C-alpha cells in the first residue's frame, strides 16, 4: 500500500486557471459574469458595428460578436486567454434594431414596440488564443412588451438609458416595468447567455467550472 508521502508525490500539479477576456464595454455583461463566479478582464474591441451587415438579424448578431472577439483576440494583451465577444440585436417585424441613434429614435422605437413582441438575438463568439480555435452561435429570447404611456416613454427616454442598449430597452434597468415577460433565457436579453457560453467553451474543451474565480 502506497504511503501518504508517495501518493502526494504522484499528484499532478494543478493546472493554472485560464484567463477570461470579455470583448465588450457592456457593464451588464460584465456584471452577469461576475455574479456567476467569473473574473473577466475587459478589453473593448473598437469594432465599427455600423460597418457590418448580414442577411438576417440573427446572423447579424453573430457576425458582430465574431468581429469583436477576433479584434480583441489579435491584441497582444489577449495572448493565452479565452476571448468572449457578444452583441445583441432586437428583431421586430423581421428588421434588426440595435441601439437608437438619439432620444427621438428611442421614443419612436418604444411607441412602435409597446403592446407587441420582439425577439432579442444575442450572438456569442469564443476564441482560444492558445491554439486559435473559434466557435460561435446565437441565442434567441422572445420579449413581450407592455404598454407604457407616452408620458412614461418620455420619462424613460429622459434617463438616457435606451440610447445605450440594443433594442432601446433592458431587463435590469429603468425599462424593466415595461416588459411583461420573456420566453427563453433572461441572460440573452441582458446580453450574454450563460448556458450557451458553457456550450461554446465545451466545444473548445474548456470546462466552465475551471473558469470560476
C-alpha atoms as a PDB file:
ATOM      1  CA  UNK A   1       0.000   0.000   0.000  1.00  0.00           C
ATOM      2  CA  UNK A   2       1.414   3.382  -1.008  1.00  0.00           C
ATOM      3  CA  UNK A   3       2.320   5.718   1.791  1.00  0.00           C
ATOM      4  CA  UNK A   4       0.698   9.179   2.059  1.00  0.00           C
ATOM      5  CA  UNK A   5       4.037  10.701   1.050  1.00  0.00           C
ATOM      6  CA  UNK A   6       4.321   8.666  -2.135  1.00  0.00           C
ATOM      7  CA  UNK A   7       0.701   9.358  -3.097  1.00  0.00           C
ATOM      8  CA  UNK A   8       1.293  13.086  -2.662  1.00  0.00           C
ATOM      9  CA  UNK A   9       4.424  12.922  -4.779  1.00  0.00           C
ATOM     10  CA  UNK A  10       2.468  11.285  -7.605  1.00  0.00           C
ATOM     11  CA  UNK A  11      -0.179  14.009  -7.789  1.00  0.00           C
ATOM     12  CA  UNK A  12      -0.133  16.126 -10.907  1.00  0.00           C
ATOM     13  CA  UNK A  13       0.480  19.841 -10.357  1.00  0.00           C
ATOM     14  CA  UNK A  14      -2.634  21.992 -10.500  1.00  0.00           C
ATOM     15  CA  UNK A  15      -3.369  23.479 -13.919  1.00  0.00           C
ATOM     16  CA  UNK A  16      -3.302  27.279 -13.831  1.00  0.00           C
ATOM     17  CA  UNK A  17      -6.731  28.822 -14.331  1.00  0.00           C
ATOM     18  CA  UNK A  18      -7.325  30.168 -17.820  1.00  0.00           C
ATOM     19  CA  UNK A  19      -7.773  33.897 -18.221  1.00  0.00           C
ATOM     20  CA  UNK A  20     -11.161  35.063 -19.489  1.00  0.00           C
ATOM     21  CA  UNK A  21     -11.372  38.246 -21.552  1.00  0.00           C
ATOM     22  CA  UNK A  22     -14.672  39.974 -22.305  1.00  0.00           C
ATOM     23  CA  UNK A  23     -14.522  41.830 -25.622  1.00  0.00           C
ATOM     24  CA  UNK A  24     -17.287  44.232 -24.664  1.00  0.00           C
ATOM     25  CA  UNK A  25     -17.773  47.517 -22.834  1.00  0.00           C
ATOM     26  CA  UNK A  26     -21.199  46.401 -21.575  1.00  0.00           C
ATOM     27  CA  UNK A  27     -21.465  46.758 -17.778  1.00  0.00           C
ATOM     28  CA  UNK A  28     -24.471  44.392 -17.864  1.00  0.00           C
ATOM     29  CA  UNK A  29     -22.438  41.571 -19.435  1.00  0.00           C
ATOM     30  CA  UNK A  30     -19.563  42.160 -17.043  1.00  0.00           C
ATOM     31  CA  UNK A  31     -21.934  42.177 -14.075  1.00  0.00           C
ATOM     32  CA  UNK A  32     -23.607  38.968 -15.198  1.00  0.00           C
ATOM     33  CA  UNK A  33     -20.263  37.173 -15.478  1.00  0.00           C
ATOM     34  CA  UNK A  34     -19.083  38.439 -12.098  1.00  0.00           C
ATOM     35  CA  UNK A  35     -22.328  37.407 -10.410  1.00  0.00           C
ATOM     36  CA  UNK A  36     -21.844  33.927 -11.862  1.00  0.00           C
ATOM     37  CA  UNK A  37     -18.382  33.383 -10.424  1.00  0.00           C
ATOM     38  CA  UNK A  38     -16.117  34.700 -13.184  1.00  0.00           C
ATOM     39  CA  UNK A  39     -13.490  37.443 -13.000  1.00  0.00           C
ATOM     40  CA  UNK A  40     -13.077  38.543 -16.617  1.00  0.00           C
ATOM     41  CA  UNK A  41     -10.697  41.173 -17.902  1.00  0.00           C
ATOM     42  CA  UNK A  42     -12.403  43.712 -20.158  1.00  0.00           C
ATOM     43  CA  UNK A  43     -10.797  44.725 -23.461  1.00  0.00           C
ATOM     44  CA  UNK A  44     -13.038  46.823 -25.697  1.00  0.00           C
ATOM     45  CA  UNK A  45     -12.842  45.835 -29.364  1.00  0.00           C
ATOM     46  CA  UNK A  46     -13.447  49.201 -31.008  1.00  0.00           C
ATOM     47  CA  UNK A  47     -15.283  47.484 -33.876  1.00  0.00           C
ATOM     48  CA  UNK A  48     -17.437  49.774 -36.040  1.00  0.00           C
ATOM     49  CA  UNK A  49     -20.790  47.991 -35.693  1.00  0.00           C
ATOM     50  CA  UNK A  50     -22.444  50.123 -38.379  1.00  0.00           C
ATOM     51  CA  UNK A  51     -19.941  48.895 -40.967  1.00  0.00           C
ATOM     52  CA  UNK A  52     -21.100  45.266 -40.684  1.00  0.00           C
ATOM     53  CA  UNK A  53     -24.170  43.599 -42.184  1.00  0.00           C
ATOM     54  CA  UNK A  54     -25.798  40.187 -42.571  1.00  0.00           C
ATOM     55  CA  UNK A  55     -28.921  38.729 -44.257  1.00  0.00           C
ATOM     56  CA  UNK A  56     -30.899  38.233 -41.020  1.00  0.00           C
ATOM     57  CA  UNK A  57     -30.945  39.786 -37.514  1.00  0.00           C
ATOM     58  CA  UNK A  58     -29.718  36.517 -36.004  1.00  0.00           C
ATOM     59  CA  UNK A  59     -26.797  36.313 -38.398  1.00  0.00           C
ATOM     60  CA  UNK A  60     -26.001  39.974 -37.823  1.00  0.00           C
ATOM     61  CA  UNK A  61     -25.752  39.426 -34.068  1.00  0.00           C
ATOM     62  CA  UNK A  62     -23.368  36.557 -34.688  1.00  0.00           C
ATOM     63  CA  UNK A  63     -21.253  38.477 -37.209  1.00  0.00           C
ATOM     64  CA  UNK A  64     -20.901  41.363 -34.763  1.00  0.00           C
ATOM     65  CA  UNK A  65     -19.904  39.037 -31.919  1.00  0.00           C
ATOM     66  CA  UNK A  66     -17.308  37.330 -34.110  1.00  0.00           C
ATOM     67  CA  UNK A  67     -15.863  40.660 -35.229  1.00  0.00           C
ATOM     68  CA  UNK A  68     -15.493  41.863 -31.646  1.00  0.00           C
ATOM     69  CA  UNK A  69     -13.907  38.626 -30.429  1.00  0.00           C
ATOM     70  CA  UNK A  70     -11.473  38.469 -33.364  1.00  0.00           C
ATOM     71  CA  UNK A  71     -10.395  42.085 -32.960  1.00  0.00           C
ATOM     72  CA  UNK A  72      -9.547  41.554 -29.295  1.00  0.00           C
ATOM     73  CA  UNK A  73      -8.012  38.084 -29.797  1.00  0.00           C
ATOM     74  CA  UNK A  74      -5.500  39.648 -32.186  1.00  0.00           C
ATOM     75  CA  UNK A  75      -4.187  42.001 -29.500  1.00  0.00           C
ATOM     76  CA  UNK A  76      -1.003  41.143 -27.548  1.00  0.00           C
ATOM     77  CA  UNK A  77      -2.771  41.669 -24.219  1.00  0.00           C
ATOM     78  CA  UNK A  78      -5.185  38.841 -25.046  1.00  0.00           C
ATOM     79  CA  UNK A  79      -2.438  36.254 -25.533  1.00  0.00           C
ATOM     80  CA  UNK A  80      -3.139  32.887 -23.854  1.00  0.00           C
ATOM     81  CA  UNK A  81      -6.689  33.968 -22.956  1.00  0.00           C
ATOM     82  CA  UNK A  82     -10.185  32.815 -23.793  1.00  0.00           C
ATOM     83  CA  UNK A  83     -11.861  35.757 -25.509  1.00  0.00           C
ATOM     84  CA  UNK A  84     -15.651  36.138 -25.404  1.00  0.00           C
ATOM     85  CA  UNK A  85     -17.382  38.516 -27.807  1.00  0.00           C
ATOM     86  CA  UNK A  86     -21.123  39.240 -27.719  1.00  0.00           C
ATOM     87  CA  UNK A  87     -23.573  41.522 -29.462  1.00  0.00           C
ATOM     88  CA  UNK A  88     -27.349  41.885 -29.308  1.00  0.00           C
ATOM     89  CA  UNK A  89     -29.960  42.851 -31.883  1.00  0.00           C
ATOM     90  CA  UNK A  90     -33.715  43.144 -31.398  1.00  0.00           C
ATOM     91  CA  UNK A  91     -35.724  41.661 -34.254  1.00  0.00           C
ATOM     92  CA  UNK A  92     -39.069  43.364 -34.818  1.00  0.00           C
ATOM     93  CA  UNK A  93     -41.068  42.731 -37.983  1.00  0.00           C
ATOM     94  CA  UNK A  94     -38.036  40.942 -39.389  1.00  0.00           C
ATOM     95  CA  UNK A  95     -35.836  44.027 -39.060  1.00  0.00           C
ATOM     96  CA  UNK A  96     -32.718  44.283 -36.856  1.00  0.00           C
ATOM     97  CA  UNK A  97     -32.813  47.059 -34.266  1.00  0.00           C
ATOM     98  CA  UNK A  98     -29.632  47.977 -32.431  1.00  0.00           C
ATOM     99  CA  UNK A  99     -29.021  50.996 -30.245  1.00  0.00           C
ATOM    100  CA  UNK A 100     -31.150  54.044 -31.136  1.00  0.00           C
ATOM    101  CA  UNK A 101     -29.150  56.928 -32.598  1.00  0.00           C
ATOM    102  CA  UNK A 102     -30.774  59.511 -30.346  1.00  0.00           C
ATOM    103  CA  UNK A 103     -33.676  60.263 -27.989  1.00  0.00           C
ATOM    104  CA  UNK A 104     -36.065  60.896 -30.857  1.00  0.00           C
ATOM    105  CA  UNK A 105     -35.401  57.475 -32.349  1.00  0.00           C
ATOM    106  CA  UNK A 106     -35.676  55.833 -28.916  1.00  0.00           C
ATOM    107  CA  UNK A 107     -39.094  57.437 -28.414  1.00  0.00           C
ATOM    108  CA  UNK A 108     -40.343  56.289 -31.822  1.00  0.00           C
ATOM    109  CA  UNK A 109     -38.945  52.812 -31.170  1.00  0.00           C
ATOM    110  CA  UNK A 110     -40.850  52.431 -27.913  1.00  0.00           C
ATOM    111  CA  UNK A 111     -44.091  53.678 -29.407  1.00  0.00           C
ATOM    112  CA  UNK A 112     -43.704  51.031 -32.118  1.00  0.00           C
ATOM    113  CA  UNK A 113     -42.825  48.231 -29.662  1.00  0.00           C
ATOM    114  CA  UNK A 114     -45.413  48.738 -26.930  1.00  0.00           C
ATOM    115  CA  UNK A 115     -48.053  46.047 -26.721  1.00  0.00           C
ATOM    116  CA  UNK A 116     -46.082  43.850 -29.110  1.00  0.00           C
ATOM    117  CA  UNK A 117     -43.420  41.140 -29.020  1.00  0.00           C
ATOM    118  CA  UNK A 118     -39.924  41.012 -30.473  1.00  0.00           C
ATOM    119  CA  UNK A 119     -37.049  38.546 -30.471  1.00  0.00           C
ATOM    120  CA  UNK A 120     -33.767  39.519 -28.868  1.00  0.00           C
ATOM    121  CA  UNK A 121     -30.896  37.865 -30.751  1.00  0.00           C
ATOM    122  CA  UNK A 122     -27.539  37.743 -28.965  1.00  0.00           C
ATOM    123  CA  UNK A 123     -24.509  36.499 -30.849  1.00  0.00           C
ATOM    124  CA  UNK A 124     -21.690  34.813 -28.931  1.00  0.00           C
ATOM    125  CA  UNK A 125     -18.159  34.019 -30.081  1.00  0.00           C
ATOM    126  CA  UNK A 126     -15.383  32.375 -28.057  1.00  0.00           C
ATOM    127  CA  UNK A 127     -11.781  32.249 -29.254  1.00  0.00           C
ATOM    128  CA  UNK A 128      -8.995  30.311 -27.549  1.00  0.00           C
ATOM    129  CA  UNK A 129      -5.904  32.366 -28.293  1.00  0.00           C
ATOM    130  CA  UNK A 130      -3.655  29.472 -27.230  1.00  0.00           C
ATOM    131  CA  UNK A 131      -4.480  27.484 -30.356  1.00  0.00           C
ATOM    132  CA  UNK A 132      -6.613  29.867 -32.423  1.00  0.00           C
ATOM    133  CA  UNK A 133      -9.741  27.733 -32.248  1.00  0.00           C
ATOM    134  CA  UNK A 134     -13.016  29.632 -32.531  1.00  0.00           C
ATOM    135  CA  UNK A 135     -16.694  28.813 -32.149  1.00  0.00           C
ATOM    136  CA  UNK A 136     -19.853  30.914 -32.268  1.00  0.00           C
ATOM    137  CA  UNK A 137     -23.635  30.744 -32.050  1.00  0.00           C
ATOM    138  CA  UNK A 138     -26.690  32.926 -31.482  1.00  0.00           C
ATOM    139  CA  UNK A 139     -29.197  32.694 -28.624  1.00  0.00           C
ATOM    140  CA  UNK A 140     -32.758  33.981 -29.057  1.00  0.00           C
ATOM    141  CA  UNK A 141     -35.350  35.045 -26.487  1.00  0.00           C
ATOM    142  CA  UNK A 142     -38.845  36.379 -27.171  1.00  0.00           C
ATOM    143  CA  UNK A 143     -39.694  39.593 -25.332  1.00  0.00           C
ATOM    144  CA  UNK A 144     -43.287  40.691 -24.671  1.00  0.00           C
ATOM    145  CA  UNK A 145     -43.535  44.441 -24.191  1.00  0.00           C
ATOM    146  CA  UNK A 146     -46.085  46.187 -22.014  1.00  0.00           C
ATOM    147  CA  UNK A 147     -47.944  49.333 -22.956  1.00  0.00           C
ATOM    148  CA  UNK A 148     -46.249  52.333 -21.335  1.00  0.00           C
ATOM    149  CA  UNK A 149     -48.000  55.658 -21.828  1.00  0.00           C
ATOM    150  CA  UNK A 150     -46.470  58.460 -23.865  1.00  0.00           C
ATOM    151  CA  UNK A 151     -45.571  60.153 -20.577  1.00  0.00           C
ATOM    152  CA  UNK A 152     -43.832  57.026 -19.281  1.00  0.00           C
ATOM    153  CA  UNK A 153     -41.921  56.636 -22.529  1.00  0.00           C
ATOM    154  CA  UNK A 154     -40.810  60.264 -22.361  1.00  0.00           C
ATOM    155  CA  UNK A 155     -39.638  59.805 -18.763  1.00  0.00           C
ATOM    156  CA  UNK A 156     -37.751  56.643 -19.696  1.00  0.00           C
ATOM    157  CA  UNK A 157     -36.042  58.244 -22.681  1.00  0.00           C
ATOM    158  CA  UNK A 158     -35.060  61.177 -20.451  1.00  0.00           C
ATOM    159  CA  UNK A 159     -32.975  58.792 -18.311  1.00  0.00           C
ATOM    160  CA  UNK A 160     -30.641  58.339 -21.280  1.00  0.00           C
ATOM    161  CA  UNK A 161     -30.648  54.564 -20.851  1.00  0.00           C
ATOM    162  CA  UNK A 162     -32.302  53.477 -24.121  1.00  0.00           C
ATOM    163  CA  UNK A 163     -29.664  55.029 -26.397  1.00  0.00           C
ATOM    164  CA  UNK A 164     -27.010  52.795 -24.814  1.00  0.00           C
ATOM    165  CA  UNK A 165     -28.714  49.408 -25.182  1.00  0.00           C
ATOM    166  CA  UNK A 166     -29.766  47.210 -28.096  1.00  0.00           C
ATOM    167  CA  UNK A 167     -33.472  47.470 -28.811  1.00  0.00           C
ATOM    168  CA  UNK A 168     -33.748  50.577 -26.600  1.00  0.00           C
ATOM    169  CA  UNK A 169     -34.572  48.524 -23.501  1.00  0.00           C
ATOM    170  CA  UNK A 170     -33.030  46.307 -20.855  1.00  0.00           C
ATOM    171  CA  UNK A 171     -34.343  43.896 -18.235  1.00  0.00           C
ATOM    172  CA  UNK A 172     -32.068  45.186 -15.496  1.00  0.00           C
ATOM    173  CA  UNK A 173     -32.725  48.905 -15.751  1.00  0.00           C
ATOM    174  CA  UNK A 174     -35.409  51.580 -15.869  1.00  0.00           C
ATOM    175  CA  UNK A 175     -37.351  49.808 -18.627  1.00  0.00           C
ATOM    176  CA  UNK A 176     -37.951  46.649 -16.567  1.00  0.00           C
ATOM    177  CA  UNK A 177     -41.532  47.704 -15.602  1.00  0.00           C
ATOM    178  CA  UNK A 178     -42.389  47.964 -19.300  1.00  0.00           C
ATOM    179  CA  UNK A 179     -41.516  44.331 -20.122  1.00  0.00           C
ATOM    180  CA  UNK A 180     -44.432  41.964 -19.447  1.00  0.00           C
ATOM    181  CA  UNK A 181     -42.457  38.766 -19.831  1.00  0.00           C
ATOM    182  CA  UNK A 182     -39.959  36.735 -21.817  1.00  0.00           C
ATOM    183  CA  UNK A 183     -39.745  33.276 -23.345  1.00  0.00           C
ATOM    184  CA  UNK A 184     -36.225  31.942 -23.099  1.00  0.00           C
ATOM    185  CA  UNK A 185     -33.011  32.700 -21.241  1.00  0.00           C
ATOM    186  CA  UNK A 186     -33.086  36.081 -19.494  1.00  0.00           C
ATOM    187  CA  UNK A 187     -29.310  36.339 -19.886  1.00  0.00           C
ATOM    188  CA  UNK A 188     -29.754  36.557 -23.648  1.00  0.00           C
ATOM    189  CA  UNK A 189     -31.711  39.782 -23.132  1.00  0.00           C
ATOM    190  CA  UNK A 190     -29.180  41.174 -20.666  1.00  0.00           C
ATOM    191  CA  UNK A 191     -26.503  40.476 -23.259  1.00  0.00           C
ATOM    192  CA  UNK A 192     -24.925  37.073 -22.580  1.00  0.00           C
ATOM    193  CA  UNK A 193     -26.442  33.604 -22.309  1.00  0.00           C
ATOM    194  CA  UNK A 194     -24.532  31.647 -19.682  1.00  0.00           C
ATOM    195  CA  UNK A 195     -25.900  28.250 -20.838  1.00  0.00           C
ATOM    196  CA  UNK A 196     -24.744  28.999 -24.395  1.00  0.00           C
ATOM    197  CA  UNK A 197     -21.365  30.224 -23.132  1.00  0.00           C
ATOM    198  CA  UNK A 198     -20.943  26.892 -21.348  1.00  0.00           C
ATOM    199  CA  UNK A 199     -21.717  25.011 -24.576  1.00  0.00           C
ATOM    200  CA  UNK A 200     -19.256  27.067 -26.600  1.00  0.00           C
ATOM    201  CA  UNK A 201     -16.499  26.594 -24.033  1.00  0.00           C
ATOM    202  CA  UNK A 202     -17.139  22.843 -24.073  1.00  0.00           C
ATOM    203  CA  UNK A 203     -16.619  22.831 -27.849  1.00  0.00           C
ATOM    204  CA  UNK A 204     -13.134  24.182 -27.126  1.00  0.00           C
ATOM    205  CA  UNK A 205     -12.565  21.521 -24.433  1.00  0.00           C
ATOM    206  CA  UNK A 206     -12.829  24.035 -21.601  1.00  0.00           C
ATOM    207  CA  UNK A 207     -14.995  23.316 -18.559  1.00  0.00           C
ATOM    208  CA  UNK A 208     -16.954  26.353 -17.411  1.00  0.00           C
ATOM    209  CA  UNK A 209     -16.241  25.407 -13.786  1.00  0.00           C
ATOM    210  CA  UNK A 210     -12.494  25.758 -14.417  1.00  0.00           C
ATOM    211  CA  UNK A 211     -13.014  29.471 -15.070  1.00  0.00           C
ATOM    212  CA  UNK A 212     -14.700  30.236 -11.764  1.00  0.00           C
ATOM    213  CA  UNK A 213     -12.655  32.664  -9.690  1.00  0.00           C
END
